[in-house]
Protein backbone atom coordinates (compact mmCIF):
# COMPACT_ATOMS: atom_id res chain seq x y z
CA MET A 1 -22.14 -4.84 -7.65
CA LYS A 2 -18.72 -6.39 -7.25
CA VAL A 3 -17.82 -9.74 -8.78
CA LYS A 4 -15.06 -12.01 -7.56
CA VAL A 5 -12.46 -12.89 -10.23
CA GLY A 6 -9.47 -15.16 -10.27
CA THR A 7 -6.19 -14.44 -11.99
CA GLN A 8 -2.51 -15.20 -11.82
CA LEU A 9 0.25 -12.71 -11.03
CA ASP A 10 4.01 -13.05 -10.94
CA GLU A 11 5.19 -13.67 -7.40
CA GLU A 12 7.19 -10.43 -7.39
CA VAL A 13 4.17 -8.41 -8.50
CA LEU A 14 1.96 -9.99 -5.86
CA GLN A 15 4.52 -9.38 -3.12
CA ALA A 16 4.91 -5.73 -4.15
CA LEU A 17 1.12 -5.37 -4.23
CA LYS A 18 0.81 -6.80 -0.70
CA VAL A 19 3.53 -4.48 0.62
CA ARG A 20 1.96 -1.44 -1.02
CA ALA A 21 -1.53 -2.29 0.21
CA ALA A 22 -0.25 -2.78 3.75
CA ALA A 23 1.77 0.45 3.66
CA GLU A 24 -1.21 2.46 2.42
CA ARG A 25 -3.67 0.50 4.58
CA ILE A 26 -6.00 -0.18 1.68
CA PRO A 27 -7.24 -3.49 0.28
CA MET A 28 -5.32 -5.05 -2.60
CA ALA A 29 -8.62 -5.21 -4.49
CA GLU A 30 -8.87 -1.41 -4.40
CA ILE A 31 -5.39 -1.00 -5.91
CA ILE A 32 -6.22 -3.52 -8.64
CA GLN A 33 -9.59 -1.84 -9.31
CA ASP A 34 -7.94 1.58 -9.68
CA ALA A 35 -5.20 0.20 -11.95
CA VAL A 36 -7.64 -1.55 -14.28
CA SER A 37 -9.93 1.50 -14.37
CA ARG A 38 -7.02 3.75 -15.37
CA TYR A 39 -5.89 1.28 -18.00
CA LEU A 40 -9.35 1.17 -19.59
CA LYS A 41 -9.70 4.96 -19.45
CA ASP A 42 -6.34 5.41 -21.20
CA ASP A 43 -7.38 2.87 -23.84
CA ARG A 44 -10.57 4.84 -24.56
CA ARG A 45 -8.49 8.03 -24.96
CA ARG A 46 -6.16 6.31 -27.43
CA ASN A 47 -9.13 5.06 -29.44
CA GLN A 48 -10.71 8.53 -29.50
CA ARG A 49 -7.43 10.04 -30.75
CA ARG A 50 -7.11 7.38 -33.43
CA ASP A 51 -10.71 7.84 -34.56
CA SER A 52 -10.25 11.61 -34.74
CA LEU A 53 -7.15 11.28 -36.88
CA LEU A 54 -8.84 8.75 -39.14
CA ARG A 55 -11.70 11.19 -39.71
CA ILE A 56 -9.21 13.80 -40.87
CA PHE A 57 -7.16 11.58 -43.13
CA ASN A 58 -9.99 9.58 -44.64
CA ASN A 59 -12.29 12.49 -45.49
CA PRO A 60 -10.52 15.79 -44.86
CA SER A 61 -13.00 17.89 -46.83
CA ARG A 62 -16.05 16.40 -45.10
CA ILE A 63 -15.18 17.24 -41.53
CA PRO A 64 -17.45 19.92 -40.05
CA ASP A 65 -15.60 23.03 -38.86
CA ARG A 66 -16.63 22.33 -35.26
CA ASP A 67 -15.09 18.84 -35.35
CA PHE A 68 -11.98 20.08 -37.11
CA ALA A 69 -11.43 22.74 -34.44
CA GLU A 70 -11.93 20.14 -31.69
CA ILE A 71 -9.34 17.86 -33.25
CA LEU A 72 -6.82 20.67 -33.61
CA GLU A 73 -7.29 21.76 -30.00
CA ALA A 74 -6.96 18.25 -28.53
CA ASP A 75 -3.78 17.50 -26.63
CA TYR A 76 -2.74 14.17 -28.10
CA TYR A 77 0.29 13.89 -25.87
CA GLU A 78 -1.57 14.33 -22.61
CA GLN A 79 -1.08 11.30 -20.40
C-alpha cells in the first residue's frame, strides 16, 4: 500500500528530479522511492558492520568460530 507524503526539496533538486524523471520517462515518485530504499539498505549494512565489530572488540574470546569467520570474510568496504 502506498501512502502520500509531503516534504520540501531545494528548488534545484526538484528541477533536476523533474528533468531526470522526464528523460527516463518514469514518475518522480519512483525515483524518490528507489533513493530512499537504497539509503535505508545502506544504513542497515553500516549497522550490521558496526555490530559485528562491537562483538569482536567487546568480547573477543566469546565469539563462536562461525561468527568470527563470517566477520573476517565480510567486505566492509563494499558499497
